[in-house]
């Protein structure tokens, strides 16, 4: 499964023989620094993110309401749900961040690989 914060729809193909994933349309979204995080826990399970999910993150996207964002707490990346108009610290089990200045990166897409 691929989910995305990019505005353009993306098409992807995966070659199981060569273990290659080709994503069309992702390059336009990825200005700035790009990095991968490994998901863990079940806090964002309803969004398809659980133990082992690979998160592609970038600081080249401006977060929109409802986006998953990364905030660095020391050297530890922490996932938040971006809600610019919220004064709440949590939405259910999800941490909420409302200040765009505290966002270090946006989760551009997530990958779950099953064998």
PDB file of N, CA and C in Angstrom:
ATOM      1  N   UNK A   1       0.838  -1.174   0.000  1.00  0.00           N
ATOM      2  CA  UNK A   1       0.000   0.000   0.000  1.00  0.00           C
ATOM      3  C   UNK A   1       0.881   1.234   0.000  1.00  0.00           C
ATOM      4  N   UNK A   2       0.519   2.237  -0.791  1.00  0.00           N
ATOM      5  CA  UNK A   2       1.211   3.520  -0.788  1.00  0.00           C
ATOM      6  C   UNK A   2       0.181   4.592  -0.489  1.00  0.00           C
ATOM      7  N   UNK A   3       0.428   5.385   0.534  1.00  0.00           N
ATOM      8  CA  UNK A   3      -0.390   6.553   0.791  1.00  0.00           C
ATOM      9  C   UNK A   3       0.505   7.760   0.624  1.00  0.00           C
ATOM     10  N   UNK A   4      -0.074   8.908   0.369  1.00  0.00           N
ATOM     11  CA  UNK A   4       0.762  10.047   0.038  1.00  0.00           C
ATOM     12  C   UNK A   4       0.212  11.377   0.524  1.00  0.00           C
ATOM     13  N   UNK A   5       1.101  12.312   0.821  1.00  0.00           N
ATOM     14  CA  UNK A   5       0.728  13.676   1.160  1.00  0.00           C
ATOM     15  C   UNK A   5       0.888  14.583  -0.054  1.00  0.00           C
ATOM     16  N   UNK A   6       1.354  14.057  -1.173  1.00  0.00           N
ATOM     17  CA  UNK A   6       1.542  14.851  -2.381  1.00  0.00           C
ATOM     18  C   UNK A   6       0.192  15.130  -3.028  1.00  0.00           C
ATOM     19  N   UNK A   7       0.097  16.254  -3.723  1.00  0.00           N
ATOM     20  CA  UNK A   7      -1.179  16.632  -4.316  1.00  0.00           C
ATOM     21  C   UNK A   7      -1.493  15.851  -5.584  1.00  0.00           C
ATOM     22  N   UNK A   8      -0.498  15.386  -6.281  1.00  0.00           N
ATOM     23  CA  UNK A   8      -0.712  14.643  -7.524  1.00  0.00           C
ATOM     24  C   UNK A   8      -0.853  13.150  -7.242  1.00  0.00           C
ATOM     25  N   UNK A   9      -1.775  12.480  -7.962  1.00  0.00           N
ATOM     26  CA  UNK A   9      -1.864  11.025  -7.789  1.00  0.00           C
ATOM     27  C   UNK A   9      -0.595  10.354  -8.304  1.00  0.00           C
ATOM     28  N   UNK A  10      -0.220   9.256  -7.666  1.00  0.00           N
ATOM     29  CA  UNK A  10       0.988   8.542  -8.066  1.00  0.00           C
ATOM     30  C   UNK A  10       0.630   7.150  -8.543  1.00  0.00           C
ATOM     31  N   UNK A  11       1.376   6.687  -9.529  1.00  0.00           N
ATOM     32  CA  UNK A  11       1.246   5.318 -10.002  1.00  0.00           C
ATOM     33  C   UNK A  11       2.526   4.595  -9.634  1.00  0.00           C
ATOM     34  N   UNK A  12       2.396   3.336  -9.291  1.00  0.00           N
ATOM     35  CA  UNK A  12       3.589   2.592  -8.945  1.00  0.00           C
ATOM     36  C   UNK A  12       3.506   1.182  -9.513  1.00  0.00           C
ATOM     37  N   UNK A  13       4.671   0.626  -9.738  1.00  0.00           N
ATOM     38  CA  UNK A  13       4.784  -0.766 -10.164  1.00  0.00           C
ATOM     39  C   UNK A  13       5.883  -1.401  -9.333  1.00  0.00           C
ATOM     40  N   UNK A  14       5.723  -2.667  -9.046  1.00  0.00           N
ATOM     41  CA  UNK A  14       6.736  -3.374  -8.278  1.00  0.00           C
ATOM     42  C   UNK A  14       7.096  -4.653  -8.995  1.00  0.00           C
ATOM     43  N   UNK A  15       8.380  -4.814  -9.216  1.00  0.00           N
ATOM     44  CA  UNK A  15       8.881  -6.036  -9.814  1.00  0.00           C
ATOM     45  C   UNK A  15       9.294  -6.972  -8.686  1.00  0.00           C
ATOM     46  N   UNK A  16       8.550  -8.059  -8.533  1.00  0.00           N
ATOM     47  CA  UNK A  16       8.890  -9.001  -7.464  1.00  0.00           C
ATOM     48  C   UNK A  16      10.168  -9.757  -7.787  1.00  0.00           C
ATOM     49  N   UNK A  17      10.460  -9.884  -9.073  1.00  0.00           N
ATOM     50  CA  UNK A  17      11.687 -10.586  -9.466  1.00  0.00           C
ATOM     51  C   UNK A  17      12.924  -9.796  -9.103  1.00  0.00           C
ATOM     52  N   UNK A  18      12.902  -8.519  -9.422  1.00  0.00           N
ATOM     53  CA  UNK A  18      14.073  -7.692  -9.143  1.00  0.00           C
ATOM     54  C   UNK A  18      13.988  -6.939  -7.830  1.00  0.00           C
ATOM     55  N   UNK A  19      12.866  -7.115  -7.069  1.00  0.00           N
ATOM     56  CA  UNK A  19      12.666  -6.399  -5.815  1.00  0.00           C
ATOM     57  C   UNK A  19      12.836  -4.889  -6.008  1.00  0.00           C
ATOM     58  N   UNK A  20      12.222  -4.354  -7.070  1.00  0.00           N
ATOM     59  CA  UNK A  20      12.339  -2.941  -7.397  1.00  0.00           C
ATOM     60  C   UNK A  20      10.959  -2.302  -7.345  1.00  0.00           C
ATOM     61  N   UNK A  21      10.861  -1.154  -6.717  1.00  0.00           N
ATOM     62  CA  UNK A  21       9.628  -0.388  -6.663  1.00  0.00           C
ATOM     63  C   UNK A  21       9.834   0.883  -7.464  1.00  0.00           C
ATOM     64  N   UNK A  22       9.014   1.090  -8.481  1.00  0.00           N
ATOM     65  CA  UNK A  22       9.097   2.288  -9.323  1.00  0.00           C
ATOM     66  C   UNK A  22       7.868   3.144  -9.029  1.00  0.00           C
ATOM     67  N   UNK A  23       8.081   4.418  -8.668  1.00  0.00           N
ATOM     68  CA  UNK A  23       6.983   5.326  -8.343  1.00  0.00           C
ATOM     69  C   UNK A  23       7.037   6.510  -9.299  1.00  0.00           C
ATOM     70  N   UNK A  24       5.967   6.692 -10.065  1.00  0.00           N
ATOM     71  CA  UNK A  24       5.876   7.831 -10.974  1.00  0.00           C
ATOM     72  C   UNK A  24       5.212   8.991 -10.253  1.00  0.00           C
ATOM     73  N   UNK A  25       5.770  10.197 -10.370  1.00  0.00           N
ATOM     74  CA  UNK A  25       5.158  11.385  -9.809  1.00  0.00           C
ATOM     75  C   UNK A  25       5.639  11.772  -8.429  1.00  0.00           C
ATOM     76  N   UNK A  26       6.488  10.970  -7.814  1.00  0.00           N
ATOM     77  CA  UNK A  26       6.937  11.290  -6.459  1.00  0.00           C
ATOM     78  C   UNK A  26       8.018  12.375  -6.453  1.00  0.00           C
ATOM     79  N   UNK A  27       8.823  12.443  -7.490  1.00  0.00           N
ATOM     80  CA  UNK A  27       9.954  13.376  -7.509  1.00  0.00           C
ATOM     81  C   UNK A  27       9.510  14.829  -7.379  1.00  0.00           C
ATOM     82  N   UNK A  28       8.335  15.182  -7.911  1.00  0.00           N
ATOM     83  CA  UNK A  28       7.866  16.560  -7.822  1.00  0.00           C
ATOM     84  C   UNK A  28       7.603  16.976  -6.381  1.00  0.00           C
ATOM     85  N   UNK A  29       7.338  16.029  -5.508  1.00  0.00           N
ATOM     86  CA  UNK A  29       7.008  16.313  -4.107  1.00  0.00           C
ATOM     87  C   UNK A  29       8.230  16.434  -3.223  1.00  0.00           C
ATOM     88  N   UNK A  30       9.359  15.950  -3.668  1.00  0.00           N
ATOM     89  CA  UNK A  30      10.477  15.731  -2.757  1.00  0.00           C
ATOM     90  C   UNK A  30      11.596  16.753  -2.899  1.00  0.00           C
ATOM     91  N   UNK A  31      11.276  18.001  -2.650  1.00  0.00           N
ATOM     92  CA  UNK A  31      12.332  19.006  -2.566  1.00  0.00           C
ATOM     93  C   UNK A  31      12.895  18.954  -1.152  1.00  0.00           C
ATOM     94  N   UNK A  32      14.119  19.396  -0.971  1.00  0.00           N
ATOM     95  CA  UNK A  32      14.679  19.427   0.377  1.00  0.00           C
ATOM     96  C   UNK A  32      15.258  18.098   0.796  1.00  0.00           C
ATOM     97  N   UNK A  33      15.372  17.915   2.091  1.00  0.00           N
ATOM     98  CA  UNK A  33      15.944  16.702   2.655  1.00  0.00           C
ATOM     99  C   UNK A  33      14.920  15.576   2.658  1.00  0.00           C
ATOM    100  N   UNK A  34      15.345  14.396   2.250  1.00  0.00           N
ATOM    101  CA  UNK A  34      14.478  13.215   2.217  1.00  0.00           C
ATOM    102  C   UNK A  34      15.136  12.133   3.074  1.00  0.00           C
ATOM    103  N   UNK A  35      14.327  11.457   3.900  1.00  0.00           N
ATOM    104  CA  UNK A  35      14.859  10.376   4.719  1.00  0.00           C
ATOM    105  C   UNK A  35      13.769   9.346   4.966  1.00  0.00           C
ATOM    106  N   UNK A  36      14.183   8.164   5.401  1.00  0.00           N
ATOM    107  CA  UNK A  36      13.263   7.069   5.702  1.00  0.00           C
ATOM    108  C   UNK A  36      13.217   6.839   7.206  1.00  0.00           C
ATOM    109  N   UNK A  37      12.023   6.547   7.700  1.00  0.00           N
ATOM    110  CA  UNK A  37      11.835   6.139   9.089  1.00  0.00           C
ATOM    111  C   UNK A  37      11.136   4.796   9.093  1.00  0.00           C
ATOM    112  N   UNK A  38      11.351   4.047  10.118  1.00  0.00           N
ATOM    113  CA  UNK A  38      10.677   2.765  10.285  1.00  0.00           C
ATOM    114  C   UNK A  38       9.569   2.941  11.313  1.00  0.00           C
ATOM    115  N   UNK A  39       8.328   2.634  10.925  1.00  0.00           N
ATOM    116  CA  UNK A  39       7.204   2.748  11.836  1.00  0.00           C
ATOM    117  C   UNK A  39       7.229   1.646  12.881  1.00  0.00           C
ATOM    118  N   UNK A  40       6.672   1.950  14.040  1.00  0.00           N
ATOM    119  CA  UNK A  40       6.531   0.935  15.079  1.00  0.00           C
ATOM    120  C   UNK A  40       5.324   1.307  15.930  1.00  0.00           C
ATOM    121  N   UNK A  41       4.789   0.322  16.608  1.00  0.00           N
ATOM    122  CA  UNK A  41       3.622   0.547  17.445  1.00  0.00           C
ATOM    123  C   UNK A  41       2.337   0.510  16.635  1.00  0.00           C
ATOM    124  N   UNK A  42       1.239   0.871  17.301  1.00  0.00           N
ATOM    125  CA  UNK A  42      -0.073   0.786  16.655  1.00  0.00           C
ATOM    126  C   UNK A  42      -0.862   2.077  16.779  1.00  0.00           C
ATOM    127  N   UNK A  43      -0.216   3.153  17.164  1.00  0.00           N
ATOM    128  CA  UNK A  43      -0.883   4.441  17.336  1.00  0.00           C
ATOM    129  C   UNK A  43      -1.526   4.940  16.034  1.00  0.00           C
ATOM    130  N   UNK A  44      -0.901   4.647  14.884  1.00  0.00           N
ATOM    131  CA  UNK A  44      -1.392   5.120  13.589  1.00  0.00           C
ATOM    132  C   UNK A  44      -1.879   3.960  12.721  1.00  0.00           C
ATOM    133  N   UNK A  45      -2.300   2.882  13.358  1.00  0.00           N
ATOM    134  CA  UNK A  45      -2.737   1.687  12.634  1.00  0.00           C
ATOM    135  C   UNK A  45      -3.890   1.984  11.682  1.00  0.00           C
ATOM    136  N   UNK A  46      -4.814   2.864  12.068  1.00  0.00           N
ATOM    137  CA  UNK A  46      -5.944   3.195  11.201  1.00  0.00           C
ATOM    138  C   UNK A  46      -5.513   3.941   9.942  1.00  0.00           C
ATOM    139  N   UNK A  47      -4.273   4.436   9.914  1.00  0.00           N
ATOM    140  CA  UNK A  47      -3.710   5.084   8.734  1.00  0.00           C
ATOM    141  C   UNK A  47      -2.789   4.151   7.956  1.00  0.00           C
ATOM    142  N   UNK A  48      -2.754   2.880   8.348  1.00  0.00           N
ATOM    143  CA  UNK A  48      -1.934   1.901   7.644  1.00  0.00           C
ATOM    144  C   UNK A  48      -0.496   1.847   8.119  1.00  0.00           C
ATOM    145  N   UNK A  49      -0.191   2.469   9.240  1.00  0.00           N
ATOM    146  CA  UNK A  49       1.183   2.508   9.743  1.00  0.00           C
ATOM    147  C   UNK A  49       1.254   1.662  11.005  1.00  0.00           C
ATOM    148  N   UNK A  50       2.161   0.701  10.984  1.00  0.00           N
ATOM    149  CA  UNK A  50       2.319  -0.211  12.106  1.00  0.00           C
ATOM    150  C   UNK A  50       3.783  -0.659  12.152  1.00  0.00           C
ATOM    151  N   UNK A  51       4.087  -1.674  12.952  1.00  0.00           N
ATOM    152  CA  UNK A  51       5.461  -2.181  13.025  1.00  0.00           C
ATOM    153  C   UNK A  51       5.971  -2.538  11.639  1.00  0.00           C
ATOM    154  N   UNK A  52       7.111  -1.984  11.266  1.00  0.00           N
ATOM    155  CA  UNK A  52       7.736  -2.338   9.999  1.00  0.00           C
ATOM    156  C   UNK A  52       7.362  -1.466   8.818  1.00  0.00           C
ATOM    157  N   UNK A  53       6.382  -0.574   8.958  1.00  0.00           N
ATOM    158  CA  UNK A  53       6.041   0.325   7.856  1.00  0.00           C
ATOM    159  C   UNK A  53       7.221   1.253   7.594  1.00  0.00           C
ATOM    160  N   UNK A  54       7.564   1.439   6.322  1.00  0.00           N
ATOM    161  CA  UNK A  54       8.610   2.373   5.938  1.00  0.00           C
ATOM    162  C   UNK A  54       7.963   3.700   5.588  1.00  0.00           C
ATOM    163  N   UNK A  55       8.408   4.775   6.237  1.00  0.00           N
ATOM    164  CA  UNK A  55       7.874   6.116   6.016  1.00  0.00           C
ATOM    165  C   UNK A  55       8.897   6.950   5.269  1.00  0.00           C
ATOM    166  N   UNK A  56       8.513   7.483   4.121  1.00  0.00           N
ATOM    167  CA  UNK A  56       9.376   8.374   3.363  1.00  0.00           C
ATOM    168  C   UNK A  56       9.010   9.795   3.775  1.00  0.00           C
ATOM    169  N   UNK A  57       9.980  10.527   4.320  1.00  0.00           N
ATOM    170  CA  UNK A  57       9.724  11.851   4.893  1.00  0.00           C
ATOM    171  C   UNK A  57      10.562  12.904   4.181  1.00  0.00           C
ATOM    172  N   UNK A  58      10.035  14.123   4.113  1.00  0.00           N
ATOM    173  CA  UNK A  58      10.760  15.225   3.500  1.00  0.00           C
ATOM    174  C   UNK A  58      10.408  16.530   4.187  1.00  0.00           C
ATOM    175  N   UNK A  59      11.354  17.453   4.194  1.00  0.00           N
ATOM    176  CA  UNK A  59      11.049  18.785   4.707  1.00  0.00           C
ATOM    177  C   UNK A  59      10.696  19.725   3.565  1.00  0.00           C
ATOM    178  N   UNK A  60      10.492  19.186   2.364  1.00  0.00           N
ATOM    179  CA  UNK A  60      10.168  19.982   1.188  1.00  0.00           C
ATOM    180  C   UNK A  60       8.683  20.131   0.928  1.00  0.00           C
ATOM    181  N   UNK A  61       7.821  19.656   1.841  1.00  0.00           N
ATOM    182  CA  UNK A  61       6.377  19.755   1.683  1.00  0.00           C
ATOM    183  C   UNK A  61       5.826  20.599   2.829  1.00  0.00           C
ATOM    184  N   UNK A  62       4.941  21.523   2.523  1.00  0.00           N
ATOM    185  CA  UNK A  62       4.251  22.276   3.564  1.00  0.00           C
ATOM    186  C   UNK A  62       3.106  21.421   4.082  1.00  0.00           C
ATOM    187  N   UNK A  63       3.039  21.182   5.391  1.00  0.00           N
ATOM    188  CA  UNK A  63       1.990  20.298   5.915  1.00  0.00           C
ATOM    189  C   UNK A  63       0.602  20.914   5.786  1.00  0.00           C
ATOM    190  N   UNK A  64      -0.364  20.030   5.528  1.00  0.00           N
ATOM    191  CA  UNK A  64      -1.769  20.402   5.471  1.00  0.00           C
ATOM    192  C   UNK A  64      -2.475  19.732   6.653  1.00  0.00           C
ATOM    193  N   UNK A  65      -3.648  20.243   6.990  1.00  0.00           N
ATOM    194  CA  UNK A  65      -4.437  19.672   8.071  1.00  0.00           C
ATOM    195  C   UNK A  65      -4.644  18.181   7.834  1.00  0.00           C
ATOM    196  N   UNK A  66      -4.301  17.368   8.819  1.00  0.00           N
ATOM    197  CA  UNK A  66      -4.465  15.920   8.726  1.00  0.00           C
ATOM    198  C   UNK A  66      -3.231  15.174   8.278  1.00  0.00           C
ATOM    199  N   UNK A  67      -2.183  15.871   7.842  1.00  0.00           N
ATOM    200  CA  UNK A  67      -0.944  15.205   7.430  1.00  0.00           C
ATOM    201  C   UNK A  67      -0.224  14.627   8.641  1.00  0.00           C
ATOM    202  N   UNK A  68       0.513  13.543   8.397  1.00  0.00           N
ATOM    203  CA  UNK A  68       1.432  13.033   9.409  1.00  0.00           C
ATOM    204  C   UNK A  68       2.726  13.807   9.284  1.00  0.00           C
ATOM    205  N   UNK A  69       3.238  14.267  10.417  1.00  0.00           N
ATOM    206  CA  UNK A  69       4.465  15.049  10.412  1.00  0.00           C
ATOM    207  C   UNK A  69       5.446  14.475  11.424  1.00  0.00           C
ATOM    208  N   UNK A  70       6.693  14.844  11.250  1.00  0.00           N
ATOM    209  CA  UNK A  70       7.766  14.409  12.142  1.00  0.00           C
ATOM    210  C   UNK A  70       8.287  15.628  12.884  1.00  0.00           C
ATOM    211  N   UNK A  71       8.427  15.467  14.171  1.00  0.00           N
ATOM    212  CA  UNK A  71       9.076  16.480  15.003  1.00  0.00           C
ATOM    213  C   UNK A  71      10.225  15.787  15.706  1.00  0.00           C
ATOM    214  N   UNK A  72      11.395  16.370  15.632  1.00  0.00           N
ATOM    215  CA  UNK A  72      12.554  15.803  16.307  1.00  0.00           C
ATOM    216  C   UNK A  72      12.536  16.230  17.772  1.00  0.00           C
ATOM    217  N   UNK A  73      12.530  15.244  18.649  1.00  0.00           N
ATOM    218  CA  UNK A  73      12.607  15.481  20.093  1.00  0.00           C
ATOM    219  C   UNK A  73      13.991  15.016  20.511  1.00  0.00           C
ATOM    220  N   UNK A  74      14.924  15.958  20.553  1.00  0.00           N
ATOM    221  CA  UNK A  74      16.330  15.606  20.716  1.00  0.00           C
ATOM    222  C   UNK A  74      16.785  14.954  19.425  1.00  0.00           C
ATOM    223  N   UNK A  75      17.276  13.735  19.515  1.00  0.00           N
ATOM    224  CA  UNK A  75      17.664  12.988  18.313  1.00  0.00           C
ATOM    225  C   UNK A  75      16.616  11.965  17.912  1.00  0.00           C
ATOM    226  N   UNK A  76      15.482  11.964  18.607  1.00  0.00           N
ATOM    227  CA  UNK A  76      14.427  10.974  18.380  1.00  0.00           C
ATOM    228  C   UNK A  76      13.306  11.576  17.526  1.00  0.00           C
ATOM    229  N   UNK A  77      13.019  10.980  16.340  1.00  0.00           N
ATOM    230  CA  UNK A  77      11.882  11.459  15.556  1.00  0.00           C
ATOM    231  C   UNK A  77      10.570  10.949  16.159  1.00  0.00           C
ATOM    232  N   UNK A  78       9.586  11.837  16.244  1.00  0.00           N
ATOM    233  CA  UNK A  78       8.285  11.488  16.801  1.00  0.00           C
ATOM    234  C   UNK A  78       7.212  11.874  15.790  1.00  0.00           C
ATOM    235  N   UNK A  79       6.263  10.962  15.544  1.00  0.00           N
ATOM    236  CA  UNK A  79       5.168  11.223  14.610  1.00  0.00           C
ATOM    237  C   UNK A  79       4.025  11.954  15.296  1.00  0.00           C
ATOM    238  N   UNK A  80       3.463  12.912  14.572  1.00  0.00           N
ATOM    239  CA  UNK A  80       2.319  13.679  15.036  1.00  0.00           C
ATOM    240  C   UNK A  80       1.304  13.780  13.903  1.00  0.00           C
ATOM    241  N   UNK A  81       0.077  14.057  14.260  1.00  0.00           N
ATOM    242  CA  UNK A  81      -0.963  14.415  13.320  1.00  0.00           C
ATOM    243  C   UNK A  81      -0.994  15.939  13.303  1.00  0.00           C
ATOM    244  N   UNK A  82      -0.885  16.541  12.124  1.00  0.00           N
ATOM    245  CA  UNK A  82      -0.852  18.007  12.028  1.00  0.00           C
ATOM    246  C   UNK A  82      -2.278  18.543  11.991  1.00  0.00           C
ATOM    247  N   UNK A  83      -2.616  19.341  12.979  1.00  0.00           N
ATOM    248  CA  UNK A  83      -3.927  19.986  13.077  1.00  0.00           C
ATOM    249  C   UNK A  83      -3.700  21.454  13.433  1.00  0.00           C
ATOM    250  N   UNK A  84      -3.553  22.328  12.421  1.00  0.00           N
ATOM    251  CA  UNK A  84      -3.183  23.721  12.681  1.00  0.00           C
ATOM    252  C   UNK A  84      -4.194  24.504  13.515  1.00  0.00           C
ATOM    253  N   UNK A  85      -5.449  24.101  13.517  1.00  0.00           N
ATOM    254  CA  UNK A  85      -6.480  24.851  14.248  1.00  0.00           C
ATOM    255  C   UNK A  85      -6.899  24.174  15.540  1.00  0.00           C
ATOM    256  N   UNK A  86      -6.102  23.245  16.028  1.00  0.00           N
ATOM    257  CA  UNK A  86      -6.457  22.498  17.233  1.00  0.00           C
ATOM    258  C   UNK A  86      -5.644  22.982  18.430  1.00  0.00           C
ATOM    259  N   UNK A  87      -6.293  22.976  19.575  1.00  0.00           N
ATOM    260  CA  UNK A  87      -5.577  23.273  20.811  1.00  0.00           C
ATOM    261  C   UNK A  87      -5.370  22.001  21.633  1.00  0.00           C
ATOM    262  N   UNK A  88      -5.830  20.871  21.100  1.00  0.00           N
ATOM    263  CA  UNK A  88      -5.706  19.586  21.782  1.00  0.00           C
ATOM    264  C   UNK A  88      -4.301  19.017  21.603  1.00  0.00           C
ATOM    265  N   UNK A  89      -3.826  18.257  22.591  1.00  0.00           N
ATOM    266  CA  UNK A  89      -2.523  17.595  22.488  1.00  0.00           C
ATOM    267  C   UNK A  89      -2.640  16.217  21.875  1.00  0.00           C
ATOM    268  N   UNK A  90      -3.836  15.621  21.946  1.00  0.00           N
ATOM    269  CA  UNK A  90      -4.069  14.287  21.399  1.00  0.00           C
ATOM    270  C   UNK A  90      -5.391  14.261  20.659  1.00  0.00           C
ATOM    271  N   UNK A  91      -5.441  13.419  19.641  1.00  0.00           N
ATOM    272  CA  UNK A  91      -6.680  13.086  18.941  1.00  0.00           C
ATOM    273  C   UNK A  91      -6.777  11.568  19.024  1.00  0.00           C
ATOM    274  N   UNK A  92      -7.556  11.080  19.971  1.00  0.00           N
ATOM    275  CA  UNK A  92      -7.519   9.652  20.282  1.00  0.00           C
ATOM    276  C   UNK A  92      -6.161   9.336  20.871  1.00  0.00           C
ATOM    277  N   UNK A  93      -5.449   8.378  20.271  1.00  0.00           N
ATOM    278  CA  UNK A  93      -4.090   8.037  20.717  1.00  0.00           C
ATOM    279  C   UNK A  93      -3.009   8.831  20.000  1.00  0.00           C
ATOM    280  N   UNK A  94      -3.390   9.555  18.947  1.00  0.00           N
ATOM    281  CA  UNK A  94      -2.398  10.257  18.128  1.00  0.00           C
ATOM    282  C   UNK A  94      -1.997  11.592  18.760  1.00  0.00           C
ATOM    283  N   UNK A  95      -0.692  11.840  18.799  1.00  0.00           N
ATOM    284  CA  UNK A  95      -0.200  13.142  19.250  1.00  0.00           C
ATOM    285  C   UNK A  95      -0.573  14.172  18.187  1.00  0.00           C
ATOM    286  N   UNK A  96      -0.909  15.384  18.614  1.00  0.00           N
ATOM    287  CA  UNK A  96      -1.297  16.453  17.692  1.00  0.00           C
ATOM    288  C   UNK A  96      -0.280  17.581  17.774  1.00  0.00           C
ATOM    289  N   UNK A  97       0.100  18.087  16.607  1.00  0.00           N
ATOM    290  CA  UNK A  97       0.992  19.241  16.508  1.00  0.00           C
ATOM    291  C   UNK A  97       0.233  20.320  15.743  1.00  0.00           C
ATOM    292  N   UNK A  98       0.233  21.540  16.258  1.00  0.00           N
ATOM    293  CA  UNK A  98      -0.536  22.589  15.596  1.00  0.00           C
ATOM    294  C   UNK A  98       0.303  23.754  15.102  1.00  0.00           C
ATOM    295  N   UNK A  99       1.584  23.752  15.387  1.00  0.00           N
ATOM    296  CA  UNK A  99       2.463  24.855  14.992  1.00  0.00           C
ATOM    297  C   UNK A  99       3.387  24.399  13.865  1.00  0.00           C
ATOM    298  N   UNK A 100       3.207  24.984  12.685  1.00  0.00           N
ATOM    299  CA  UNK A 100       4.006  24.582  11.520  1.00  0.00           C
ATOM    300  C   UNK A 100       5.499  24.789  11.767  1.00  0.00           C
ATOM    301  N   UNK A 101       5.858  25.712  12.646  1.00  0.00           N
ATOM    302  CA  UNK A 101       7.285  25.962  12.931  1.00  0.00           C
ATOM    303  C   UNK A 101       7.936  24.809  13.679  1.00  0.00           C
ATOM    304  N   UNK A 102       7.126  23.930  14.286  1.00  0.00           N
ATOM    305  CA  UNK A 102       7.658  22.777  15.021  1.00  0.00           C
ATOM    306  C   UNK A 102       7.753  21.529  14.150  1.00  0.00           C
ATOM    307  N   UNK A 103       7.289  21.618  12.913  1.00  0.00           N
ATOM    308  CA  UNK A 103       7.328  20.477  11.994  1.00  0.00           C
ATOM    309  C   UNK A 103       8.710  20.401  11.355  1.00  0.00           C
ATOM    310  N   UNK A 104       9.371  19.266  11.526  1.00  0.00           N
ATOM    311  CA  UNK A 104      10.684  19.064  10.905  1.00  0.00           C
ATOM    312  C   UNK A 104      10.577  18.389   9.548  1.00  0.00           C
ATOM    313  N   UNK A 105       9.520  17.607   9.332  1.00  0.00           N
ATOM    314  CA  UNK A 105       9.324  16.926   8.045  1.00  0.00           C
ATOM    315  C   UNK A 105       7.877  16.449   7.953  1.00  0.00           C
ATOM    316  N   UNK A 106       7.450  16.193   6.734  1.00  0.00           N
ATOM    317  CA  UNK A 106       6.123  15.645   6.461  1.00  0.00           C
ATOM    318  C   UNK A 106       6.309  14.222   5.936  1.00  0.00           C
ATOM    319  N   UNK A 107       5.458  13.309   6.377  1.00  0.00           N
ATOM    320  CA  UNK A 107       5.475  11.953   5.834  1.00  0.00           C
ATOM    321  C   UNK A 107       4.853  12.033   4.451  1.00  0.00           C
ATOM    322  N   UNK A 108       5.683  11.862   3.415  1.00  0.00           N
ATOM    323  CA  UNK A 108       5.213  11.970   2.031  1.00  0.00           C
ATOM    324  C   UNK A 108       4.441  10.729   1.606  1.00  0.00           C
ATOM    325  N   UNK A 109       4.913   9.567   2.040  1.00  0.00           N
ATOM    326  CA  UNK A 109       4.198   8.328   1.727  1.00  0.00           C
ATOM    327  C   UNK A 109       4.695   7.219   2.648  1.00  0.00           C
ATOM    328  N   UNK A 110       3.904   6.155   2.694  1.00  0.00           N
ATOM    329  CA  UNK A 110       4.268   5.004   3.521  1.00  0.00           C
ATOM    330  C   UNK A 110       4.209   3.746   2.684  1.00  0.00           C
ATOM    331  N   UNK A 111       5.063   2.797   3.043  1.00  0.00           N
ATOM    332  CA  UNK A 111       5.143   1.537   2.309  1.00  0.00           C
ATOM    333  C   UNK A 111       5.017   0.376   3.283  1.00  0.00           C
ATOM    334  N   UNK A 112       4.136  -0.536   2.974  1.00  0.00           N
ATOM    335  CA  UNK A 112       4.031  -1.793   3.705  1.00  0.00           C
ATOM    336  C   UNK A 112       4.333  -2.916   2.729  1.00  0.00           C
ATOM    337  N   UNK A 113       5.324  -3.704   3.054  1.00  0.00           N
ATOM    338  CA  UNK A 113       5.716  -4.811   2.192  1.00  0.00           C
ATOM    339  C   UNK A 113       5.369  -6.109   2.902  1.00  0.00           C
ATOM    340  N   UNK A 114       4.593  -6.934   2.242  1.00  0.00           N
ATOM    341  CA  UNK A 114       4.164  -8.208   2.810  1.00  0.00           C
ATOM    342  C   UNK A 114       4.754  -9.347   2.005  1.00  0.00           C
ATOM    343  N   UNK A 115       5.137 -10.395   2.682  1.00  0.00           N
ATOM    344  CA  UNK A 115       5.666 -11.557   1.971  1.00  0.00           C
ATOM    345  C   UNK A 115       4.875 -12.770   2.334  1.00  0.00           C
TER     346      UNK A 115
END
